[in-house]
Amino acid sequence: AYYAYRVSDGYRSQTGIVAEVEAAAYDRGLIKRHEHTRPEAEQSLVAALKRMGANSYPMCMTYKHAGINALIGRLTEEAPLLDFLGQDGVQQTVWRVGTAAEAELEQCLHSIEALYITDGHHRAAAGAALARETAAAHPYSSGLESFNYVMGIIYPSQQLKLVEYNRCVTDLAGLTDVEFVQRVSERLDVERLHISDAEDARPGGRGRFGMYVGGKWYRVTVPKDLRKGDDPYGSLDVVLLNNLILGPILGISDPRTSERLEYIPGTVPLEYVANEGTCGAFFLVHPTKVSQVAAVADRGLVMPPKSTWFLPKISSGLFVRLFD
C-alpha cells in the first residue's frame, strides 16, 4: 500500500506519500542531490542494510510542481491509521491510502519528472549502491525485485519549510570590532540597528544578513550588482556570505573544514547566542528556498555545508520495508 505520513512539531507540519522509488533513478540523475556524500558513510549504511535485510529509514524528497498536494488533502480527511506523539515531541500521523485512490495517486506520481532529496543523501546513495551490487549478483533478475527499490517519502514542495543555519565566527582575524565593521562597509551596505529584541535583526529577504558584533546588531545588505541573480549557486545567501565576508575579511577559505566557523541552528534563541559571547561575529541568514535547492541540483552542483535544514524530522523505524 501507499501511505500518507504527516510530521508536526507545533511550528511546522508537512505531509507526504510513502512509496517505493526505483533505486536506479539515482544513478540516472532523476533523484537529484544537493549535498556531498562520504564514501565511508555510504559503505557503512550498505553493510547495515545487508545485516538487517530491511530498510527502516526512508529518504525524503520533493519535486517542483503541485501534483499530489490536493490529493493529500483529501486522503488525510479520513481517520488515521496511527496518530501519536513521539519522544522527540513530533506528532506522527499515518493514513493508509485506500484502493479507490491508488490509481489517481499513481497517475500523479508518474507525472513527476525528477525528485530532489531534502533529507537522506547517504540513504539514497546507499540504496542505489546496494541495488547495483545485488543486481550484479543476480544477472537474470527482472528488475522488479525489492532490492531494486528504496523507500522514500515524497513531499509536495509547498508542504516544506526550510530552517536556516546561522554562522558564528569565533574571532575577527585580528581586527577590532570597529575595523571589522568598517571593512564590511567598504563593499556592502551596513546599517546599525537600535533594537531591544534580537528577533528584529532577522533578515527580511534574500541578499541581507543580520550581524552581531561587539554587542551591537547591524543589518547588512548586498548591493544588487553583487548578488549574481542569474547564477543559482552564486546567488545563494550562504555563498554570498562566504565570498564577501567570511573569506576575504575573516580569512575562512574553506567553510567545510574551518575550526573558527560554527553553525547555529535557526531554532536556537538569538538571546542565548548573543549572551554566550563565544562569537567574534554572528550572522543571521535568510532560509534557503526549495526552489533554490532544485535550481542548484538541476545544475549538478552541491550547496555549501549547512545550507538547508528541513524540519520536522521523520522517525526511523515507523515504516519498515523488508527485502525479499
C-alpha atoms as a PDB file:
ATOM      1  CA  ALA A   1       0.000   0.000   0.000  1.00  0.00           C
ATOM      2  CA  TYR A   2       0.863   3.659  -0.155  1.00  0.00           C
ATOM      3  CA  TYR A   3       0.734   5.733   2.998  1.00  0.00           C
ATOM      4  CA  ALA A   4       0.251   9.416   3.715  1.00  0.00           C
ATOM      5  CA  TYR A   5       2.571  10.500   6.521  1.00  0.00           C
ATOM      6  CA  ARG A   6       2.474  13.739   8.478  1.00  0.00           C
ATOM      7  CA  VAL A   7       5.015  15.081  10.951  1.00  0.00           C
ATOM      8  CA  SER A   8       4.263  18.177  13.009  1.00  0.00           C
ATOM      9  CA  ASP A   9       6.321  19.832  15.745  1.00  0.00           C
ATOM     10  CA  GLY A  10       3.849  22.551  16.653  1.00  0.00           C
ATOM     11  CA  TYR A  11       5.600  25.117  14.449  1.00  0.00           C
ATOM     12  CA  ARG A  12       5.834  23.306  11.130  1.00  0.00           C
ATOM     13  CA  SER A  13       3.813  20.499   9.571  1.00  0.00           C
ATOM     14  CA  GLN A  14       4.402  18.521   6.391  1.00  0.00           C
ATOM     15  CA  THR A  15       2.583  15.608   4.797  1.00  0.00           C
ATOM     16  CA  GLY A  16       3.974  13.344   2.106  1.00  0.00           C
ATOM     17  CA  ILE A  17       3.433   9.991   0.437  1.00  0.00           C
ATOM     18  CA  VAL A  18       5.442   6.938   1.494  1.00  0.00           C
ATOM     19  CA  ALA A  19       6.279   4.872  -1.571  1.00  0.00           C
ATOM     20  CA  GLU A  20       8.907   2.686  -3.206  1.00  0.00           C
ATOM     21  CA  VAL A  21      11.179   4.525  -5.622  1.00  0.00           C
ATOM     22  CA  GLU A  22      13.366   2.919  -8.263  1.00  0.00           C
ATOM     23  CA  ALA A  23      16.954   2.882  -6.964  1.00  0.00           C
ATOM     24  CA  ALA A  24      18.437   3.194 -10.468  1.00  0.00           C
ATOM     25  CA  ALA A  25      16.772   6.615 -10.800  1.00  0.00           C
ATOM     26  CA  TYR A  26      19.510   7.917  -8.515  1.00  0.00           C
ATOM     27  CA  ASP A  27      22.194   6.710 -10.914  1.00  0.00           C
ATOM     28  CA  ARG A  28      20.315   8.203 -13.881  1.00  0.00           C
ATOM     29  CA  GLY A  29      20.174  11.606 -12.210  1.00  0.00           C
ATOM     30  CA  LEU A  30      16.400  11.572 -11.732  1.00  0.00           C
ATOM     31  CA  ILE A  31      16.793  11.585  -7.946  1.00  0.00           C
ATOM     32  CA  LYS A  32      18.872  14.716  -7.558  1.00  0.00           C
ATOM     33  CA  ARG A  33      21.157  15.656  -4.709  1.00  0.00           C
ATOM     34  CA  HIS A  34      22.468  18.966  -3.419  1.00  0.00           C
ATOM     35  CA  GLU A  35      24.987  17.698  -0.853  1.00  0.00           C
ATOM     36  CA  HIS A  36      28.233  15.734  -0.973  1.00  0.00           C
ATOM     37  CA  THR A  37      28.230  12.227   0.475  1.00  0.00           C
ATOM     38  CA  ARG A  38      31.112  10.443   2.193  1.00  0.00           C
ATOM     39  CA  PRO A  39      32.074   7.046   0.740  1.00  0.00           C
ATOM     40  CA  GLU A  40      32.773   5.567   4.186  1.00  0.00           C
ATOM     41  CA  ALA A  41      29.292   6.564   5.390  1.00  0.00           C
ATOM     42  CA  GLU A  42      27.702   5.050   2.267  1.00  0.00           C
ATOM     43  CA  GLN A  43      29.564   1.769   2.791  1.00  0.00           C
ATOM     44  CA  SER A  44      28.559   1.656   6.442  1.00  0.00           C
ATOM     45  CA  LEU A  45      24.891   2.092   5.516  1.00  0.00           C
ATOM     46  CA  VAL A  46      25.094  -0.592   2.821  1.00  0.00           C
ATOM     47  CA  ALA A  47      26.526  -3.004   5.385  1.00  0.00           C
ATOM     48  CA  ALA A  48      23.753  -2.115   7.850  1.00  0.00           C
ATOM     49  CA  LEU A  49      21.052  -2.721   5.222  1.00  0.00           C
ATOM     50  CA  LYS A  50      22.545  -6.137   4.468  1.00  0.00           C
ATOM     51  CA  ARG A  51      22.633  -7.101   8.145  1.00  0.00           C
ATOM     52  CA  MET A  52      19.035  -6.037   8.750  1.00  0.00           C
ATOM     53  CA  GLY A  53      17.606  -7.312   5.480  1.00  0.00           C
ATOM     54  CA  ALA A  54      15.300  -4.328   5.670  1.00  0.00           C
ATOM     55  CA  ASN A  55      15.060  -0.588   5.210  1.00  0.00           C
ATOM     56  CA  SER A  56      13.646   1.287   8.205  1.00  0.00           C
ATOM     57  CA  TYR A  57      14.592   4.910   7.487  1.00  0.00           C
ATOM     58  CA  PRO A  58      13.042   6.434   4.351  1.00  0.00           C
ATOM     59  CA  MET A  59      14.813   9.178   2.457  1.00  0.00           C
ATOM     60  CA  CYS A  60      12.831  12.387   1.986  1.00  0.00           C
ATOM     61  CA  MET A  61      12.301  14.007  -1.406  1.00  0.00           C
ATOM     62  CA  THR A  62      10.314  16.733  -3.085  1.00  0.00           C
ATOM     63  CA  TYR A  63       9.512  17.867  -6.619  1.00  0.00           C
ATOM     64  CA  LYS A  64       8.778  21.113  -8.404  1.00  0.00           C
ATOM     65  CA  HIS A  65       5.059  21.112  -9.144  1.00  0.00           C
ATOM     66  CA  ALA A  66       1.884  20.909  -7.082  1.00  0.00           C
ATOM     67  CA  GLY A  67       0.688  17.464  -8.212  1.00  0.00           C
ATOM     68  CA  ILE A  68      -0.382  15.415  -5.237  1.00  0.00           C
ATOM     69  CA  ASN A  69      -0.878  18.264  -2.769  1.00  0.00           C
ATOM     70  CA  ALA A  70      -4.652  18.478  -3.319  1.00  0.00           C
ATOM     71  CA  LEU A  71      -4.955  14.691  -3.272  1.00  0.00           C
ATOM     72  CA  ILE A  72      -3.079  14.517   0.026  1.00  0.00           C
ATOM     73  CA  GLY A  73      -5.590  16.964   1.449  1.00  0.00           C
ATOM     74  CA  ARG A  74      -8.418  14.574   0.602  1.00  0.00           C
ATOM     75  CA  LEU A  75      -6.595  11.471   1.785  1.00  0.00           C
ATOM     76  CA  THR A  76      -5.971  12.954   5.214  1.00  0.00           C
ATOM     77  CA  GLU A  77      -9.610  13.808   5.833  1.00  0.00           C
ATOM     78  CA  GLU A  78     -10.182  10.192   6.865  1.00  0.00           C
ATOM     79  CA  ALA A  79      -9.421   8.770  10.300  1.00  0.00           C
ATOM     80  CA  PRO A  80      -5.667   7.999  10.573  1.00  0.00           C
ATOM     81  CA  LEU A  81      -4.189   4.551  10.954  1.00  0.00           C
ATOM     82  CA  LEU A  82      -1.686   5.842  13.542  1.00  0.00           C
ATOM     83  CA  ASP A  83      -1.563   9.102  15.471  1.00  0.00           C
ATOM     84  CA  PHE A  84       0.836   9.591  18.375  1.00  0.00           C
ATOM     85  CA  LEU A  85       3.345  11.997  19.908  1.00  0.00           C
ATOM     86  CA  GLY A  86       6.939  10.801  19.602  1.00  0.00           C
ATOM     87  CA  GLN A  87       9.560  11.124  22.305  1.00  0.00           C
ATOM     88  CA  ASP A  88      11.132  13.951  20.303  1.00  0.00           C
ATOM     89  CA  GLY A  89       7.930  15.977  20.611  1.00  0.00           C
ATOM     90  CA  VAL A  90       6.951  15.454  16.964  1.00  0.00           C
ATOM     91  CA  GLN A  91       3.391  14.363  16.230  1.00  0.00           C
ATOM     92  CA  GLN A  92       3.380  11.346  13.898  1.00  0.00           C
ATOM     93  CA  THR A  93       0.241  10.648  11.862  1.00  0.00           C
ATOM     94  CA  VAL A  94      -0.207   7.935   9.226  1.00  0.00           C
ATOM     95  CA  TRP A  95      -3.046   7.219   6.806  1.00  0.00           C
ATOM     96  CA  ARG A  96      -3.234   4.138   4.603  1.00  0.00           C
ATOM     97  CA  VAL A  97      -4.192   5.086   1.049  1.00  0.00           C
ATOM     98  CA  GLY A  98      -7.303   3.159   0.057  1.00  0.00           C
ATOM     99  CA  THR A  99      -7.548   1.257  -3.202  1.00  0.00           C
ATOM    100  CA  ALA A 100     -10.066   3.754  -4.586  1.00  0.00           C
ATOM    101  CA  ALA A 101      -7.421   6.490  -4.570  1.00  0.00           C
ATOM    102  CA  GLU A 102      -4.448   4.402  -5.712  1.00  0.00           C
ATOM    103  CA  ALA A 103      -4.965   4.903  -9.448  1.00  0.00           C
ATOM    104  CA  GLU A 104      -5.210   8.687  -9.097  1.00  0.00           C
ATOM    105  CA  LEU A 105      -2.159   8.764  -6.822  1.00  0.00           C
ATOM    106  CA  GLU A 106      -0.088   6.635  -9.204  1.00  0.00           C
ATOM    107  CA  GLN A 107      -1.017   8.886 -12.097  1.00  0.00           C
ATOM    108  CA  CYS A 108       0.218  11.887 -10.123  1.00  0.00           C
ATOM    109  CA  LEU A 109       3.411  10.120  -9.094  1.00  0.00           C
ATOM    110  CA  HIS A 110       4.215   9.007 -12.639  1.00  0.00           C
ATOM    111  CA  SER A 111       3.897  12.596 -13.853  1.00  0.00           C
ATOM    112  CA  ILE A 112       6.841  13.671 -11.673  1.00  0.00           C
ATOM    113  CA  GLU A 113       9.883  14.268 -13.870  1.00  0.00           C
ATOM    114  CA  ALA A 114      12.524  14.388 -11.147  1.00  0.00           C
ATOM    115  CA  LEU A 115      12.797  14.096  -7.381  1.00  0.00           C
ATOM    116  CA  TYR A 116      15.022  16.258  -5.197  1.00  0.00           C
ATOM    117  CA  ILE A 117      16.492  14.871  -1.993  1.00  0.00           C
ATOM    118  CA  THR A 118      15.668  17.013   1.020  1.00  0.00           C
ATOM    119  CA  ASP A 119      16.989  14.683   3.720  1.00  0.00           C
ATOM    120  CA  GLY A 120      18.831  11.402   3.363  1.00  0.00           C
ATOM    121  CA  HIS A 121      21.588  11.849   0.798  1.00  0.00           C
ATOM    122  CA  HIS A 122      23.576   8.978   2.265  1.00  0.00           C
ATOM    123  CA  ARG A 123      20.468   6.786   2.452  1.00  0.00           C
ATOM    124  CA  ALA A 124      19.796   7.401  -1.234  1.00  0.00           C
ATOM    125  CA  ALA A 125      23.390   6.667  -2.234  1.00  0.00           C
ATOM    126  CA  ALA A 126      23.486   3.518  -0.094  1.00  0.00           C
ATOM    127  CA  GLY A 127      20.200   2.238  -1.524  1.00  0.00           C
ATOM    128  CA  ALA A 128      21.447   2.744  -5.078  1.00  0.00           C
ATOM    129  CA  ALA A 129      24.785   1.067  -4.276  1.00  0.00           C
ATOM    130  CA  LEU A 130      23.065  -1.942  -2.701  1.00  0.00           C
ATOM    131  CA  ALA A 131      20.768  -2.265  -5.726  1.00  0.00           C
ATOM    132  CA  ARG A 132      23.744  -2.246  -8.130  1.00  0.00           C
ATOM    133  CA  GLU A 133      25.633  -4.790  -6.058  1.00  0.00           C
ATOM    134  CA  THR A 134      22.682  -7.146  -5.657  1.00  0.00           C
ATOM    135  CA  ALA A 135      21.683  -6.874  -9.331  1.00  0.00           C
ATOM    136  CA  ALA A 136      25.229  -7.782 -10.370  1.00  0.00           C
ATOM    137  CA  ALA A 137      24.952 -10.963  -8.271  1.00  0.00           C
ATOM    138  CA  HIS A 138      21.589 -11.802  -9.879  1.00  0.00           C
ATOM    139  CA  PRO A 139      22.077 -11.170 -13.613  1.00  0.00           C
ATOM    140  CA  TYR A 140      18.735 -12.749 -14.527  1.00  0.00           C
ATOM    141  CA  SER A 141      16.613 -10.628 -12.207  1.00  0.00           C
ATOM    142  CA  SER A 142      13.517  -8.973 -13.664  1.00  0.00           C
ATOM    143  CA  GLY A 143      14.142  -5.521 -12.223  1.00  0.00           C
ATOM    144  CA  LEU A 144      11.004  -5.718 -10.093  1.00  0.00           C
ATOM    145  CA  GLU A 145      12.640  -7.364  -7.082  1.00  0.00           C
ATOM    146  CA  SER A 146      12.563  -5.424  -3.813  1.00  0.00           C
ATOM    147  CA  PHE A 147      16.302  -4.729  -3.886  1.00  0.00           C
ATOM    148  CA  ASN A 148      15.757  -2.570  -6.973  1.00  0.00           C
ATOM    149  CA  TYR A 149      13.752  -0.052  -4.948  1.00  0.00           C
ATOM    150  CA  VAL A 150      14.306   2.225  -1.994  1.00  0.00           C
ATOM    151  CA  MET A 151      11.751   3.555   0.467  1.00  0.00           C
ATOM    152  CA  GLY A 152      11.067   7.255   0.290  1.00  0.00           C
ATOM    153  CA  ILE A 153       8.676   9.970   1.381  1.00  0.00           C
ATOM    154  CA  ILE A 154       7.628  12.313  -1.416  1.00  0.00           C
ATOM    155  CA  TYR A 155       6.592  15.772  -0.239  1.00  0.00           C
ATOM    156  CA  PRO A 156       4.922  18.433  -2.373  1.00  0.00           C
ATOM    157  CA  SER A 157       7.250  21.427  -2.324  1.00  0.00           C
ATOM    158  CA  GLN A 158       4.610  23.708  -0.809  1.00  0.00           C
ATOM    159  CA  GLN A 159       4.482  21.434   2.249  1.00  0.00           C
ATOM    160  CA  LEU A 160       8.124  22.123   3.119  1.00  0.00           C
ATOM    161  CA  LYS A 161       9.555  24.864   5.303  1.00  0.00           C
ATOM    162  CA  LEU A 162      13.324  25.189   5.484  1.00  0.00           C
ATOM    163  CA  VAL A 163      15.131  26.413   8.577  1.00  0.00           C
ATOM    164  CA  GLU A 164      18.410  28.287   8.341  1.00  0.00           C
ATOM    165  CA  TYR A 165      21.775  27.546   9.874  1.00  0.00           C
ATOM    166  CA  ASN A 166      23.271  30.772  11.146  1.00  0.00           C
ATOM    167  CA  ARG A 167      27.019  31.368  11.281  1.00  0.00           C
ATOM    168  CA  CYS A 168      29.246  32.064  14.276  1.00  0.00           C
ATOM    169  CA  VAL A 169      32.884  33.061  13.687  1.00  0.00           C
ATOM    170  CA  THR A 170      34.902  32.721  16.853  1.00  0.00           C
ATOM    171  CA  ASP A 171      37.262  35.657  16.192  1.00  0.00           C
ATOM    172  CA  LEU A 172      37.704  38.664  13.913  1.00  0.00           C
ATOM    173  CA  ALA A 173      41.058  37.612  12.454  1.00  0.00           C
ATOM    174  CA  GLY A 174      42.945  40.232  14.437  1.00  0.00           C
ATOM    175  CA  LEU A 175      40.578  43.099  13.636  1.00  0.00           C
ATOM    176  CA  THR A 176      38.851  45.235  16.239  1.00  0.00           C
ATOM    177  CA  ASP A 177      35.056  45.466  16.190  1.00  0.00           C
ATOM    178  CA  VAL A 178      35.242  48.908  14.602  1.00  0.00           C
ATOM    179  CA  GLU A 179      37.805  47.829  11.997  1.00  0.00           C
ATOM    180  CA  PHE A 180      35.751  44.782  11.052  1.00  0.00           C
ATOM    181  CA  VAL A 181      32.517  46.743  10.615  1.00  0.00           C
ATOM    182  CA  GLN A 182      34.442  49.278   8.527  1.00  0.00           C
ATOM    183  CA  ARG A 183      35.816  46.529   6.275  1.00  0.00           C
ATOM    184  CA  VAL A 184      32.342  45.109   5.727  1.00  0.00           C
ATOM    185  CA  SER A 185      31.034  48.618   4.973  1.00  0.00           C
ATOM    186  CA  GLU A 186      33.567  49.091   2.164  1.00  0.00           C
ATOM    187  CA  ARG A 187      31.633  46.758  -0.170  1.00  0.00           C
ATOM    188  CA  LEU A 188      28.271  46.177   1.494  1.00  0.00           C
ATOM    189  CA  ASP A 189      25.571  48.416   2.925  1.00  0.00           C
ATOM    190  CA  VAL A 190      25.718  48.308   6.726  1.00  0.00           C
ATOM    191  CA  GLU A 191      23.072  49.819   8.993  1.00  0.00           C
ATOM    192  CA  ARG A 192      23.300  49.938  12.791  1.00  0.00           C
ATOM    193  CA  LEU A 193      20.118  48.583  14.397  1.00  0.00           C
ATOM    194  CA  HIS A 194      18.883  50.104  17.636  1.00  0.00           C
ATOM    195  CA  ILE A 195      16.650  47.242  18.743  1.00  0.00           C
ATOM    196  CA  SER A 196      15.679  45.670  22.044  1.00  0.00           C
ATOM    197  CA  ASP A 197      14.553  42.340  20.595  1.00  0.00           C
ATOM    198  CA  ALA A 198      17.175  40.330  18.688  1.00  0.00           C
ATOM    199  CA  GLU A 199      14.407  38.795  16.565  1.00  0.00           C
ATOM    200  CA  ASP A 200      14.115  42.167  14.827  1.00  0.00           C
ATOM    201  CA  ALA A 201      17.580  41.585  13.358  1.00  0.00           C
ATOM    202  CA  ARG A 202      16.471  38.632  11.246  1.00  0.00           C
ATOM    203  CA  PRO A 203      16.889  39.361   7.525  1.00  0.00           C
ATOM    204  CA  GLY A 204      13.600  40.044   5.825  1.00  0.00           C
ATOM    205  CA  GLY A 205      14.595  38.522   2.498  1.00  0.00           C
ATOM    206  CA  ARG A 206      17.412  37.337   0.273  1.00  0.00           C
ATOM    207  CA  GLY A 207      20.623  39.319  -0.029  1.00  0.00           C
ATOM    208  CA  ARG A 208      20.504  40.521   3.580  1.00  0.00           C
ATOM    209  CA  PHE A 209      22.160  39.402   6.799  1.00  0.00           C
ATOM    210  CA  GLY A 210      21.758  40.187  10.444  1.00  0.00           C
ATOM    211  CA  MET A 211      25.203  40.778  12.012  1.00  0.00           C
ATOM    212  CA  TYR A 212      26.080  40.886  15.713  1.00  0.00           C
ATOM    213  CA  VAL A 213      29.491  42.319  16.571  1.00  0.00           C
ATOM    214  CA  GLY A 214      30.761  43.896  19.761  1.00  0.00           C
ATOM    215  CA  GLY A 215      27.366  43.782  21.450  1.00  0.00           C
ATOM    216  CA  LYS A 216      25.654  45.619  18.593  1.00  0.00           C
ATOM    217  CA  TRP A 217      23.264  44.451  15.874  1.00  0.00           C
ATOM    218  CA  TYR A 218      23.613  45.507  12.246  1.00  0.00           C
ATOM    219  CA  ARG A 219      21.711  44.890   9.028  1.00  0.00           C
ATOM    220  CA  VAL A 220      23.983  44.058   6.100  1.00  0.00           C
ATOM    221  CA  THR A 221      22.577  44.339   2.568  1.00  0.00           C
ATOM    222  CA  VAL A 222      24.368  43.041  -0.522  1.00  0.00           C
ATOM    223  CA  PRO A 223      24.139  45.551  -3.401  1.00  0.00           C
ATOM    224  CA  LYS A 224      22.229  44.246  -6.400  1.00  0.00           C
ATOM    225  CA  ASP A 225      25.289  44.255  -8.646  1.00  0.00           C
ATOM    226  CA  LEU A 226      26.943  41.697  -6.325  1.00  0.00           C
ATOM    227  CA  ARG A 227      24.003  39.332  -5.899  1.00  0.00           C
ATOM    228  CA  LYS A 228      24.571  37.259  -9.087  1.00  0.00           C
ATOM    229  CA  GLY A 229      20.844  36.833  -9.651  1.00  0.00           C
ATOM    230  CA  ASP A 230      21.291  34.703 -12.789  1.00  0.00           C
ATOM    231  CA  ASP A 231      23.542  32.203 -11.013  1.00  0.00           C
ATOM    232  CA  PRO A 232      21.571  29.702  -8.865  1.00  0.00           C
ATOM    233  CA  TYR A 233      24.669  28.815  -6.864  1.00  0.00           C
ATOM    234  CA  GLY A 234      26.436  32.158  -6.667  1.00  0.00           C
ATOM    235  CA  SER A 235      23.245  33.940  -5.610  1.00  0.00           C
ATOM    236  CA  LEU A 236      22.709  31.759  -2.528  1.00  0.00           C
ATOM    237  CA  ASP A 237      22.909  33.868   0.612  1.00  0.00           C
ATOM    238  CA  VAL A 238      25.316  31.422   2.263  1.00  0.00           C
ATOM    239  CA  VAL A 239      27.613  31.659  -0.785  1.00  0.00           C
ATOM    240  CA  LEU A 240      27.439  35.462  -0.787  1.00  0.00           C
ATOM    241  CA  LEU A 241      28.328  35.467   2.905  1.00  0.00           C
ATOM    242  CA  ASN A 242      31.278  33.165   2.244  1.00  0.00           C
ATOM    243  CA  ASN A 243      32.538  35.124  -0.754  1.00  0.00           C
ATOM    244  CA  LEU A 244      32.031  38.657   0.538  1.00  0.00           C
ATOM    245  CA  ILE A 245      32.748  38.453   4.263  1.00  0.00           C
ATOM    246  CA  LEU A 246      33.914  35.125   5.670  1.00  0.00           C
ATOM    247  CA  GLY A 247      36.618  34.553   3.079  1.00  0.00           C
ATOM    248  CA  PRO A 248      38.111  37.939   2.146  1.00  0.00           C
ATOM    249  CA  ILE A 249      37.701  39.682   5.525  1.00  0.00           C
ATOM    250  CA  LEU A 250      37.802  36.892   8.128  1.00  0.00           C
ATOM    251  CA  GLY A 251      40.165  34.553   6.290  1.00  0.00           C
ATOM    252  CA  ILE A 252      37.916  31.479   6.257  1.00  0.00           C
ATOM    253  CA  SER A 253      38.971  29.902   2.974  1.00  0.00           C
ATOM    254  CA  ASP A 254      37.144  26.587   3.412  1.00  0.00           C
ATOM    255  CA  PRO A 255      33.861  26.678   5.380  1.00  0.00           C
ATOM    256  CA  ARG A 256      33.777  22.869   5.388  1.00  0.00           C
ATOM    257  CA  THR A 257      36.915  22.465   7.496  1.00  0.00           C
ATOM    258  CA  SER A 258      37.455  25.737   9.372  1.00  0.00           C
ATOM    259  CA  GLU A 259      37.552  25.300  13.142  1.00  0.00           C
ATOM    260  CA  ARG A 260      36.785  29.007  13.556  1.00  0.00           C
ATOM    261  CA  LEU A 261      33.336  28.656  11.983  1.00  0.00           C
ATOM    262  CA  GLU A 262      30.356  27.206  13.842  1.00  0.00           C
ATOM    263  CA  TYR A 263      26.854  26.557  12.540  1.00  0.00           C
ATOM    264  CA  ILE A 264      23.984  27.509  14.819  1.00  0.00           C
ATOM    265  CA  PRO A 265      20.515  26.118  14.036  1.00  0.00           C
ATOM    266  CA  GLY A 266      17.914  28.780  13.366  1.00  0.00           C
ATOM    267  CA  THR A 267      15.774  27.337  16.159  1.00  0.00           C
ATOM    268  CA  VAL A 268      18.288  28.397  18.837  1.00  0.00           C
ATOM    269  CA  PRO A 269      17.031  31.569  20.602  1.00  0.00           C
ATOM    270  CA  LEU A 270      19.024  34.586  19.486  1.00  0.00           C
ATOM    271  CA  GLU A 271      19.254  35.957  23.023  1.00  0.00           C
ATOM    272  CA  TYR A 272      21.131  32.801  24.005  1.00  0.00           C
ATOM    273  CA  VAL A 273      23.630  33.202  21.171  1.00  0.00           C
ATOM    274  CA  ALA A 274      24.203  36.884  21.881  1.00  0.00           C
ATOM    275  CA  ASN A 275      24.636  36.392  25.628  1.00  0.00           C
ATOM    276  CA  GLU A 276      27.047  33.472  25.292  1.00  0.00           C
ATOM    277  CA  GLY A 277      29.734  35.786  23.931  1.00  0.00           C
ATOM    278  CA  THR A 278      31.581  32.993  22.085  1.00  0.00           C
ATOM    279  CA  CYS A 279      31.211  34.618  18.657  1.00  0.00           C
ATOM    280  CA  GLY A 280      33.524  37.293  17.398  1.00  0.00           C
ATOM    281  CA  ALA A 281      30.855  37.847  14.750  1.00  0.00           C
ATOM    282  CA  PHE A 282      27.460  36.220  14.435  1.00  0.00           C
ATOM    283  CA  PHE A 283      25.499  36.207  11.180  1.00  0.00           C
ATOM    284  CA  LEU A 284      21.798  35.600  10.649  1.00  0.00           C
ATOM    285  CA  VAL A 285      20.980  34.246   7.195  1.00  0.00           C
ATOM    286  CA  HIS A 286      17.693  34.018   5.352  1.00  0.00           C
ATOM    287  CA  PRO A 287      16.361  30.437   4.964  1.00  0.00           C
ATOM    288  CA  THR A 288      17.101  28.861   1.598  1.00  0.00           C
ATOM    289  CA  LYS A 289      14.031  28.237  -0.558  1.00  0.00           C
ATOM    290  CA  VAL A 290      13.084  24.844  -2.005  1.00  0.00           C
ATOM    291  CA  SER A 291      13.204  26.380  -5.488  1.00  0.00           C
ATOM    292  CA  GLN A 292      16.827  27.371  -4.885  1.00  0.00           C
ATOM    293  CA  VAL A 293      17.712  23.830  -3.815  1.00  0.00           C
ATOM    294  CA  ALA A 294      16.143  22.460  -7.007  1.00  0.00           C
ATOM    295  CA  ALA A 295      17.912  25.023  -9.199  1.00  0.00           C
ATOM    296  CA  VAL A 296      21.304  24.097  -7.760  1.00  0.00           C
ATOM    297  CA  ALA A 297      20.609  20.363  -8.087  1.00  0.00           C
ATOM    298  CA  ASP A 298      19.463  20.796 -11.699  1.00  0.00           C
ATOM    299  CA  ARG A 299      22.917  22.202 -12.493  1.00  0.00           C
ATOM    300  CA  GLY A 300      24.565  19.153 -10.951  1.00  0.00           C
ATOM    301  CA  LEU A 301      26.061  21.307  -8.198  1.00  0.00           C
ATOM    302  CA  VAL A 302      26.191  20.891  -4.441  1.00  0.00           C
ATOM    303  CA  MET A 303      25.476  23.533  -1.838  1.00  0.00           C
ATOM    304  CA  PRO A 304      27.875  24.723   0.882  1.00  0.00           C
ATOM    305  CA  PRO A 305      27.679  22.861   4.198  1.00  0.00           C
ATOM    306  CA  LYS A 306      24.693  23.632   6.399  1.00  0.00           C
ATOM    307  CA  SER A 307      22.772  25.451   3.676  1.00  0.00           C
ATOM    308  CA  THR A 308      19.472  23.705   4.381  1.00  0.00           C
ATOM    309  CA  TRP A 309      17.660  22.171   7.300  1.00  0.00           C
ATOM    310  CA  PHE A 310      14.308  20.529   6.788  1.00  0.00           C
ATOM    311  CA  LEU A 311      12.133  20.331   9.892  1.00  0.00           C
ATOM    312  CA  PRO A 312      10.423  18.481  11.440  1.00  0.00           C
ATOM    313  CA  LYS A 313      12.414  15.275  11.052  1.00  0.00           C
ATOM    314  CA  ILE A 314      10.797  11.952  10.295  1.00  0.00           C
ATOM    315  CA  SER A 315      11.135   8.945  12.589  1.00  0.00           C
ATOM    316  CA  SER A 316      13.288   5.932  11.894  1.00  0.00           C
ATOM    317  CA  GLY A 317      11.557   2.586  12.360  1.00  0.00           C
ATOM    318  CA  LEU A 318       7.977   3.743  11.874  1.00  0.00           C
ATOM    319  CA  PHE A 319       7.985   2.260   8.373  1.00  0.00           C
ATOM    320  CA  VAL A 320       9.911  -0.960   7.755  1.00  0.00           C
ATOM    321  CA  ARG A 321      10.362  -2.424   4.312  1.00  0.00           C
ATOM    322  CA  LEU A 322      11.709  -5.987   4.176  1.00  0.00           C
ATOM    323  CA  PHE A 323      13.985  -7.194   1.372  1.00  0.00           C
ATOM    324  CA  ASP A 324      12.864 -10.390  -0.331  1.00  0.00           C
END
